[in-house]
N, C-alpha and C. Protein backbone atom coordinates (compact mmCIF):
# COMPACT_ATOMS: atom_id res chain seq x y z
N MET A 1 90.75 7.23 -13.78
CA MET A 1 90.71 6.43 -12.58
C MET A 1 90.31 5.01 -12.92
N ALA A 2 90.88 4.16 -12.20
CA ALA A 2 90.59 2.75 -12.42
C ALA A 2 89.35 2.35 -11.61
N ASP A 3 88.63 1.43 -12.16
CA ASP A 3 87.42 0.96 -11.50
C ASP A 3 87.83 -0.06 -10.43
N THR A 4 87.70 0.33 -9.18
CA THR A 4 88.14 -0.53 -8.07
C THR A 4 86.96 -1.13 -7.32
N LYS A 5 85.86 -1.24 -7.98
CA LYS A 5 84.65 -1.77 -7.36
C LYS A 5 84.79 -3.28 -7.17
N LYS A 6 84.53 -3.72 -5.93
CA LYS A 6 84.63 -5.14 -5.64
C LYS A 6 83.31 -5.82 -5.96
N THR A 7 83.38 -6.95 -6.54
CA THR A 7 82.18 -7.73 -6.81
C THR A 7 82.26 -9.02 -6.03
N THR A 8 81.15 -9.37 -5.44
CA THR A 8 81.12 -10.63 -4.70
C THR A 8 80.18 -11.58 -5.43
N LYS A 9 80.58 -12.79 -5.48
CA LYS A 9 79.77 -13.80 -6.13
C LYS A 9 78.94 -14.51 -5.08
N LYS A 10 77.68 -14.75 -5.42
CA LYS A 10 76.80 -15.51 -4.54
C LYS A 10 77.08 -16.98 -4.77
N PRO A 11 77.05 -17.75 -3.67
CA PRO A 11 77.27 -19.19 -3.87
C PRO A 11 76.11 -19.80 -4.65
N ALA A 12 76.43 -20.68 -5.52
CA ALA A 12 75.42 -21.32 -6.36
C ALA A 12 74.55 -22.24 -5.50
N ALA A 13 73.24 -22.30 -5.85
CA ALA A 13 72.32 -23.15 -5.10
C ALA A 13 72.66 -24.61 -5.35
N LYS A 14 72.62 -25.39 -4.29
CA LYS A 14 72.94 -26.80 -4.42
C LYS A 14 71.76 -27.52 -5.07
N ALA A 15 72.06 -28.48 -5.87
CA ALA A 15 71.03 -29.22 -6.60
C ALA A 15 70.22 -30.10 -5.66
N ASP A 16 70.88 -30.62 -4.60
CA ASP A 16 70.16 -31.52 -3.71
C ASP A 16 69.47 -30.79 -2.55
N ALA A 17 69.52 -29.48 -2.53
CA ALA A 17 68.88 -28.71 -1.46
C ALA A 17 67.36 -28.69 -1.68
N PRO A 18 66.57 -28.76 -0.61
CA PRO A 18 65.11 -28.73 -0.79
C PRO A 18 64.65 -27.35 -1.25
N ALA A 19 63.58 -27.35 -2.03
CA ALA A 19 63.05 -26.08 -2.55
C ALA A 19 62.41 -25.31 -1.39
N ALA A 20 62.44 -24.00 -1.51
CA ALA A 20 61.85 -23.17 -0.47
C ALA A 20 60.34 -23.38 -0.44
N GLU A 21 59.77 -23.47 0.77
CA GLU A 21 58.34 -23.69 0.90
C GLU A 21 57.59 -22.41 0.56
N PRO A 22 56.47 -22.52 -0.14
CA PRO A 22 55.71 -21.30 -0.45
C PRO A 22 55.08 -20.74 0.83
N LYS A 23 54.92 -19.44 0.84
CA LYS A 23 54.33 -18.79 2.01
C LYS A 23 52.87 -19.20 2.12
N LYS A 24 52.45 -19.44 3.35
CA LYS A 24 51.05 -19.79 3.59
C LYS A 24 50.23 -18.52 3.72
N ALA A 25 49.03 -18.59 3.20
CA ALA A 25 48.12 -17.44 3.33
C ALA A 25 47.67 -17.35 4.79
N PRO A 26 47.45 -16.14 5.28
CA PRO A 26 47.00 -16.01 6.67
C PRO A 26 45.65 -16.68 6.86
N ALA A 27 45.49 -17.31 7.99
CA ALA A 27 44.26 -18.04 8.27
C ALA A 27 43.09 -17.07 8.37
N ARG A 28 41.98 -17.42 7.73
CA ARG A 28 40.78 -16.58 7.80
C ARG A 28 40.07 -16.83 9.12
N LYS A 29 39.43 -15.78 9.60
CA LYS A 29 38.66 -15.93 10.83
C LYS A 29 37.39 -16.71 10.51
N ALA A 30 37.13 -17.72 11.30
CA ALA A 30 35.93 -18.52 11.10
C ALA A 30 34.72 -17.76 11.63
N LYS A 31 33.61 -17.89 10.93
CA LYS A 31 32.38 -17.26 11.40
C LYS A 31 31.93 -17.98 12.65
N PRO A 32 31.47 -17.23 13.64
CA PRO A 32 30.99 -17.92 14.84
C PRO A 32 29.75 -18.72 14.52
N ALA A 33 29.83 -20.00 14.77
CA ALA A 33 28.70 -20.89 14.48
C ALA A 33 27.63 -20.70 15.54
N ALA A 34 26.40 -20.68 15.10
CA ALA A 34 25.29 -20.53 16.02
C ALA A 34 25.15 -21.83 16.82
N PRO A 35 24.96 -21.71 18.13
CA PRO A 35 24.82 -22.92 18.92
C PRO A 35 23.54 -23.67 18.55
N ALA A 36 23.67 -24.90 18.12
CA ALA A 36 22.51 -25.66 17.66
C ALA A 36 22.11 -26.71 18.68
N ALA A 37 22.05 -26.30 19.95
CA ALA A 37 21.72 -27.25 21.00
C ALA A 37 20.25 -27.66 20.93
N GLY A 38 19.38 -26.70 20.73
CA GLY A 38 17.95 -27.00 20.68
C GLY A 38 17.37 -26.60 19.34
N PRO A 39 16.04 -26.67 19.25
CA PRO A 39 15.41 -26.24 18.00
C PRO A 39 15.65 -24.76 17.77
N HIS A 40 15.96 -24.40 16.55
CA HIS A 40 16.30 -23.01 16.26
C HIS A 40 15.84 -22.65 14.86
N ALA A 41 15.87 -21.34 14.59
CA ALA A 41 15.55 -20.81 13.27
C ALA A 41 16.27 -19.48 13.13
N SER A 42 16.52 -19.08 11.90
CA SER A 42 17.19 -17.81 11.68
C SER A 42 16.51 -17.05 10.55
N LEU A 43 16.61 -15.76 10.64
CA LEU A 43 16.04 -14.86 9.64
C LEU A 43 17.14 -13.88 9.27
N ARG A 44 17.50 -13.89 8.01
CA ARG A 44 18.60 -13.03 7.57
C ARG A 44 18.10 -11.99 6.58
N PHE A 45 18.80 -10.86 6.55
CA PHE A 45 18.53 -9.76 5.62
C PHE A 45 17.13 -9.17 5.80
N LEU A 46 16.67 -9.10 7.04
CA LEU A 46 15.40 -8.44 7.35
C LEU A 46 15.59 -6.95 7.13
N ARG A 47 14.73 -6.32 6.33
CA ARG A 47 14.92 -4.92 5.96
C ARG A 47 14.36 -3.96 7.01
N ILE A 48 14.71 -4.20 8.27
CA ILE A 48 14.39 -3.31 9.37
C ILE A 48 15.68 -3.12 10.14
N ALA A 49 15.94 -1.93 10.62
CA ALA A 49 17.17 -1.63 11.34
C ALA A 49 17.26 -2.48 12.61
N PRO A 50 18.46 -2.97 12.95
CA PRO A 50 18.61 -3.83 14.12
C PRO A 50 18.16 -3.16 15.42
N ARG A 51 18.36 -1.87 15.51
CA ARG A 51 17.97 -1.14 16.72
C ARG A 51 16.46 -1.24 16.95
N LYS A 52 15.69 -1.20 15.88
CA LYS A 52 14.23 -1.28 15.99
C LYS A 52 13.78 -2.71 16.28
N VAL A 53 14.49 -3.69 15.72
CA VAL A 53 14.11 -5.08 15.95
C VAL A 53 14.43 -5.47 17.39
N ARG A 54 15.53 -4.94 17.94
CA ARG A 54 15.91 -5.28 19.31
C ARG A 54 14.87 -4.82 20.33
N LEU A 55 14.18 -3.72 20.04
CA LEU A 55 13.15 -3.23 20.95
C LEU A 55 12.07 -4.29 21.14
N VAL A 56 11.68 -4.94 20.06
CA VAL A 56 10.64 -5.98 20.13
C VAL A 56 11.24 -7.27 20.68
N ALA A 57 12.47 -7.61 20.29
CA ALA A 57 13.09 -8.86 20.72
C ALA A 57 13.31 -8.89 22.23
N ASN A 58 13.61 -7.75 22.83
CA ASN A 58 13.84 -7.70 24.27
C ASN A 58 12.57 -8.02 25.05
N GLU A 59 11.42 -7.73 24.49
CA GLU A 59 10.15 -8.02 25.16
C GLU A 59 9.80 -9.51 25.11
N VAL A 60 10.30 -10.21 24.10
CA VAL A 60 9.92 -11.61 23.87
C VAL A 60 10.90 -12.58 24.52
N ARG A 61 12.14 -12.18 24.68
CA ARG A 61 13.20 -13.07 25.16
C ARG A 61 12.86 -13.64 26.54
N GLY A 62 12.97 -14.97 26.66
CA GLY A 62 12.73 -15.63 27.93
C GLY A 62 11.30 -16.05 28.18
N GLN A 63 10.37 -15.69 27.32
CA GLN A 63 8.96 -16.03 27.54
C GLN A 63 8.61 -17.38 26.91
N LYS A 64 7.49 -17.93 27.35
CA LYS A 64 6.98 -19.14 26.70
C LYS A 64 6.55 -18.77 25.29
N VAL A 65 6.61 -19.74 24.39
CA VAL A 65 6.32 -19.47 22.98
C VAL A 65 4.90 -18.96 22.78
N GLY A 66 3.93 -19.55 23.46
CA GLY A 66 2.54 -19.11 23.33
C GLY A 66 2.36 -17.67 23.79
N ASP A 67 2.97 -17.33 24.92
CA ASP A 67 2.87 -15.96 25.43
C ASP A 67 3.57 -14.98 24.50
N ALA A 68 4.71 -15.40 23.96
CA ALA A 68 5.47 -14.53 23.06
C ALA A 68 4.69 -14.26 21.78
N LEU A 69 4.06 -15.29 21.22
CA LEU A 69 3.27 -15.10 20.00
C LEU A 69 2.06 -14.21 20.26
N ALA A 70 1.44 -14.36 21.43
CA ALA A 70 0.29 -13.51 21.77
C ALA A 70 0.72 -12.06 21.91
N MET A 71 1.90 -11.84 22.51
CA MET A 71 2.40 -10.48 22.67
C MET A 71 2.74 -9.86 21.31
N LEU A 72 3.37 -10.65 20.45
CA LEU A 72 3.76 -10.13 19.13
C LEU A 72 2.54 -9.81 18.27
N LYS A 73 1.45 -10.53 18.48
CA LYS A 73 0.25 -10.30 17.68
C LYS A 73 -0.30 -8.89 17.91
N PHE A 74 -0.16 -8.39 19.14
CA PHE A 74 -0.72 -7.09 19.47
C PHE A 74 0.33 -6.00 19.62
N THR A 75 1.54 -6.26 19.16
CA THR A 75 2.60 -5.26 19.19
C THR A 75 2.54 -4.45 17.90
N PRO A 76 2.48 -3.11 18.00
CA PRO A 76 2.30 -2.31 16.79
C PRO A 76 3.57 -2.12 15.94
N GLN A 77 4.74 -2.46 16.46
CA GLN A 77 5.97 -2.25 15.69
C GLN A 77 6.02 -3.16 14.47
N ALA A 78 6.69 -2.70 13.43
CA ALA A 78 6.77 -3.46 12.18
C ALA A 78 7.57 -4.75 12.35
N ALA A 79 8.49 -4.79 13.31
CA ALA A 79 9.33 -5.97 13.49
C ALA A 79 8.58 -7.12 14.14
N ALA A 80 7.39 -6.88 14.68
CA ALA A 80 6.66 -7.92 15.39
C ALA A 80 6.21 -9.04 14.47
N GLN A 81 5.77 -8.71 13.27
CA GLN A 81 5.26 -9.73 12.35
C GLN A 81 6.36 -10.69 11.88
N PRO A 82 7.54 -10.21 11.44
CA PRO A 82 8.60 -11.15 11.06
C PRO A 82 9.11 -11.99 12.24
N LEU A 83 9.14 -11.40 13.44
CA LEU A 83 9.59 -12.17 14.60
C LEU A 83 8.59 -13.27 14.95
N ALA A 84 7.29 -12.99 14.81
CA ALA A 84 6.28 -14.00 15.06
C ALA A 84 6.40 -15.14 14.05
N LYS A 85 6.64 -14.80 12.81
CA LYS A 85 6.81 -15.82 11.78
C LYS A 85 8.06 -16.67 12.06
N LEU A 86 9.12 -16.03 12.55
CA LEU A 86 10.35 -16.74 12.90
C LEU A 86 10.11 -17.69 14.07
N LEU A 87 9.35 -17.26 15.06
CA LEU A 87 9.05 -18.12 16.20
C LEU A 87 8.23 -19.34 15.76
N ARG A 88 7.25 -19.11 14.89
CA ARG A 88 6.45 -20.23 14.40
C ARG A 88 7.32 -21.22 13.60
N SER A 89 8.31 -20.69 12.89
CA SER A 89 9.23 -21.55 12.14
C SER A 89 10.08 -22.39 13.09
N ALA A 90 10.54 -21.79 14.19
CA ALA A 90 11.34 -22.53 15.16
C ALA A 90 10.51 -23.63 15.83
N VAL A 91 9.23 -23.35 16.09
CA VAL A 91 8.34 -24.36 16.67
C VAL A 91 8.13 -25.50 15.67
N ALA A 92 7.95 -25.17 14.41
CA ALA A 92 7.78 -26.20 13.38
C ALA A 92 9.05 -27.03 13.25
N ASN A 93 10.22 -26.40 13.38
CA ASN A 93 11.48 -27.15 13.34
C ASN A 93 11.57 -28.10 14.53
N ALA A 94 11.08 -27.65 15.69
CA ALA A 94 11.11 -28.51 16.88
C ALA A 94 10.22 -29.73 16.68
N GLU A 95 9.05 -29.52 16.09
CA GLU A 95 8.14 -30.64 15.84
C GLU A 95 8.70 -31.59 14.79
N GLN A 96 9.33 -31.05 13.76
CA GLN A 96 9.82 -31.85 12.64
C GLN A 96 11.04 -32.68 13.04
N LYS A 97 12.00 -32.03 13.68
CA LYS A 97 13.27 -32.71 13.96
C LYS A 97 13.29 -33.38 15.32
N GLY A 98 12.52 -32.85 16.27
CA GLY A 98 12.57 -33.39 17.61
C GLY A 98 11.58 -34.51 17.87
N GLY A 99 10.74 -34.79 16.92
CA GLY A 99 9.74 -35.84 17.13
C GLY A 99 8.61 -35.33 18.01
N ARG A 100 8.37 -36.04 19.10
CA ARG A 100 7.29 -35.67 20.02
C ARG A 100 7.80 -34.61 20.99
N VAL A 101 7.54 -33.36 20.69
CA VAL A 101 7.95 -32.25 21.55
C VAL A 101 6.70 -31.57 22.09
N ASP A 102 6.71 -31.29 23.38
CA ASP A 102 5.59 -30.59 24.00
C ASP A 102 5.73 -29.11 23.67
N VAL A 103 4.89 -28.63 22.78
CA VAL A 103 4.98 -27.25 22.31
C VAL A 103 4.67 -26.27 23.44
N ASP A 104 3.82 -26.67 24.38
CA ASP A 104 3.49 -25.79 25.49
C ASP A 104 4.67 -25.58 26.43
N ALA A 105 5.63 -26.49 26.43
CA ALA A 105 6.79 -26.38 27.33
C ALA A 105 7.93 -25.59 26.71
N LEU A 106 7.83 -25.24 25.43
CA LEU A 106 8.92 -24.51 24.77
C LEU A 106 8.93 -23.04 25.21
N PHE A 107 10.14 -22.50 25.35
CA PHE A 107 10.30 -21.08 25.64
C PHE A 107 11.44 -20.52 24.80
N VAL A 108 11.50 -19.21 24.69
CA VAL A 108 12.52 -18.54 23.88
C VAL A 108 13.80 -18.51 24.71
N LYS A 109 14.74 -19.39 24.38
CA LYS A 109 15.98 -19.50 25.13
C LYS A 109 16.94 -18.37 24.77
N THR A 110 17.24 -18.23 23.49
CA THR A 110 18.08 -17.12 23.04
C THR A 110 17.42 -16.46 21.84
N LEU A 111 17.57 -15.16 21.78
CA LEU A 111 17.05 -14.38 20.65
C LEU A 111 18.04 -13.26 20.42
N THR A 112 18.83 -13.38 19.37
CA THR A 112 19.86 -12.39 19.09
C THR A 112 19.53 -11.66 17.80
N VAL A 113 19.83 -10.38 17.80
CA VAL A 113 19.62 -9.54 16.62
C VAL A 113 20.95 -8.89 16.29
N ASP A 114 21.48 -9.19 15.13
CA ASP A 114 22.75 -8.63 14.67
C ASP A 114 22.50 -7.79 13.43
N GLY A 115 23.42 -6.91 13.15
CA GLY A 115 23.32 -6.07 11.96
C GLY A 115 23.73 -6.83 10.72
N GLY A 116 23.04 -6.59 9.64
CA GLY A 116 23.39 -7.18 8.36
C GLY A 116 24.06 -6.14 7.48
N PRO A 117 24.18 -6.40 6.21
CA PRO A 117 24.79 -5.42 5.32
C PRO A 117 23.90 -4.19 5.15
N LYS A 118 24.54 -3.07 4.88
CA LYS A 118 23.80 -1.82 4.68
C LYS A 118 23.74 -1.51 3.19
N MET A 119 22.55 -1.16 2.73
CA MET A 119 22.42 -0.71 1.35
C MET A 119 22.64 0.80 1.35
N ARG A 120 23.54 1.26 0.54
CA ARG A 120 23.86 2.69 0.54
C ARG A 120 23.20 3.36 -0.67
N ARG A 121 22.46 4.40 -0.38
CA ARG A 121 21.76 5.17 -1.41
C ARG A 121 22.14 6.64 -1.24
N PHE A 122 21.85 7.42 -2.24
CA PHE A 122 22.14 8.84 -2.17
C PHE A 122 20.86 9.63 -2.36
N MET A 123 20.73 10.70 -1.57
CA MET A 123 19.55 11.54 -1.62
C MET A 123 19.99 12.95 -2.02
N ALA A 124 19.27 13.54 -2.95
CA ALA A 124 19.61 14.87 -3.42
C ALA A 124 19.34 15.89 -2.33
N ARG A 125 20.25 16.86 -2.18
CA ARG A 125 20.12 17.93 -1.21
C ARG A 125 20.30 19.27 -1.92
N ALA A 126 20.26 20.33 -1.18
CA ALA A 126 20.34 21.67 -1.76
C ALA A 126 21.70 21.93 -2.40
N MET A 127 21.71 22.80 -3.38
CA MET A 127 22.91 23.28 -4.07
C MET A 127 23.71 22.14 -4.71
N GLY A 128 23.01 21.14 -5.23
CA GLY A 128 23.67 20.08 -5.99
C GLY A 128 24.40 19.05 -5.15
N ARG A 129 24.20 19.07 -3.87
CA ARG A 129 24.89 18.10 -3.01
C ARG A 129 24.10 16.79 -2.96
N ALA A 130 24.78 15.78 -2.48
CA ALA A 130 24.13 14.47 -2.29
C ALA A 130 24.53 13.94 -0.92
N TYR A 131 23.57 13.48 -0.15
CA TYR A 131 23.82 12.88 1.16
C TYR A 131 23.63 11.38 1.04
N ARG A 132 24.46 10.65 1.79
CA ARG A 132 24.37 9.20 1.78
C ARG A 132 23.30 8.75 2.77
N VAL A 133 22.46 7.83 2.34
CA VAL A 133 21.42 7.25 3.19
C VAL A 133 21.74 5.76 3.30
N GLU A 134 21.80 5.25 4.54
CA GLU A 134 22.09 3.84 4.75
C GLU A 134 20.80 3.12 5.12
N LYS A 135 20.44 2.14 4.31
CA LYS A 135 19.26 1.33 4.60
C LYS A 135 19.76 0.05 5.26
N LYS A 136 19.51 -0.06 6.56
CA LYS A 136 20.10 -1.13 7.35
C LYS A 136 19.26 -2.41 7.29
N THR A 137 19.95 -3.54 7.47
CA THR A 137 19.28 -4.84 7.52
C THR A 137 19.67 -5.54 8.81
N SER A 138 18.91 -6.58 9.16
CA SER A 138 19.14 -7.31 10.41
C SER A 138 19.22 -8.81 10.14
N HIS A 139 20.00 -9.48 11.00
CA HIS A 139 20.04 -10.93 11.05
C HIS A 139 19.50 -11.32 12.42
N VAL A 140 18.48 -12.17 12.46
CA VAL A 140 17.85 -12.56 13.71
C VAL A 140 18.01 -14.07 13.88
N TYR A 141 18.38 -14.51 15.09
CA TYR A 141 18.56 -15.92 15.39
C TYR A 141 17.77 -16.23 16.66
N VAL A 142 16.95 -17.28 16.63
CA VAL A 142 16.19 -17.68 17.81
C VAL A 142 16.42 -19.15 18.08
N GLU A 143 16.58 -19.47 19.37
CA GLU A 143 16.73 -20.84 19.80
C GLU A 143 15.72 -21.09 20.92
N LEU A 144 15.04 -22.21 20.83
CA LEU A 144 14.03 -22.56 21.83
C LEU A 144 14.58 -23.57 22.81
N GLY A 145 14.09 -23.51 24.02
CA GLY A 145 14.45 -24.48 25.04
C GLY A 145 13.21 -25.09 25.64
N THR A 146 13.37 -26.20 26.33
CA THR A 146 12.23 -26.84 26.98
C THR A 146 12.30 -26.60 28.47
N ALA A 147 11.15 -26.30 29.06
CA ALA A 147 11.10 -25.98 30.49
C ALA A 147 11.21 -27.21 31.34
């Protein structure tokens, strides 16, 4: 049998034709920037689970700074001490950057607690098994406002 296969030739690329544009990489999602309207401070990679930190943060949100620090001083939860330190840092930032700021008029405007990265560990169990243990971290952001 004779080979009756048809072959088609592709047209040659023109020399004066523009080169094909390279594909653009997909745009990355931008991290949401924290609103920097007033004095603020942030605490990242706190080694306490966000659920536990939120319990203390909900009690402090919206209060005057002096009242919030007094409450945190007598709160037995472990998250109270880092939150108090964070509040004092935000007050110091207000004094440093804002010039003459009335510290008594400051209040906790926003206080957000987000989850950070989880450290994954393994714990030995019966019959040679291993269970995964997640050690959670928190990111805390506080912004102060003036009354």
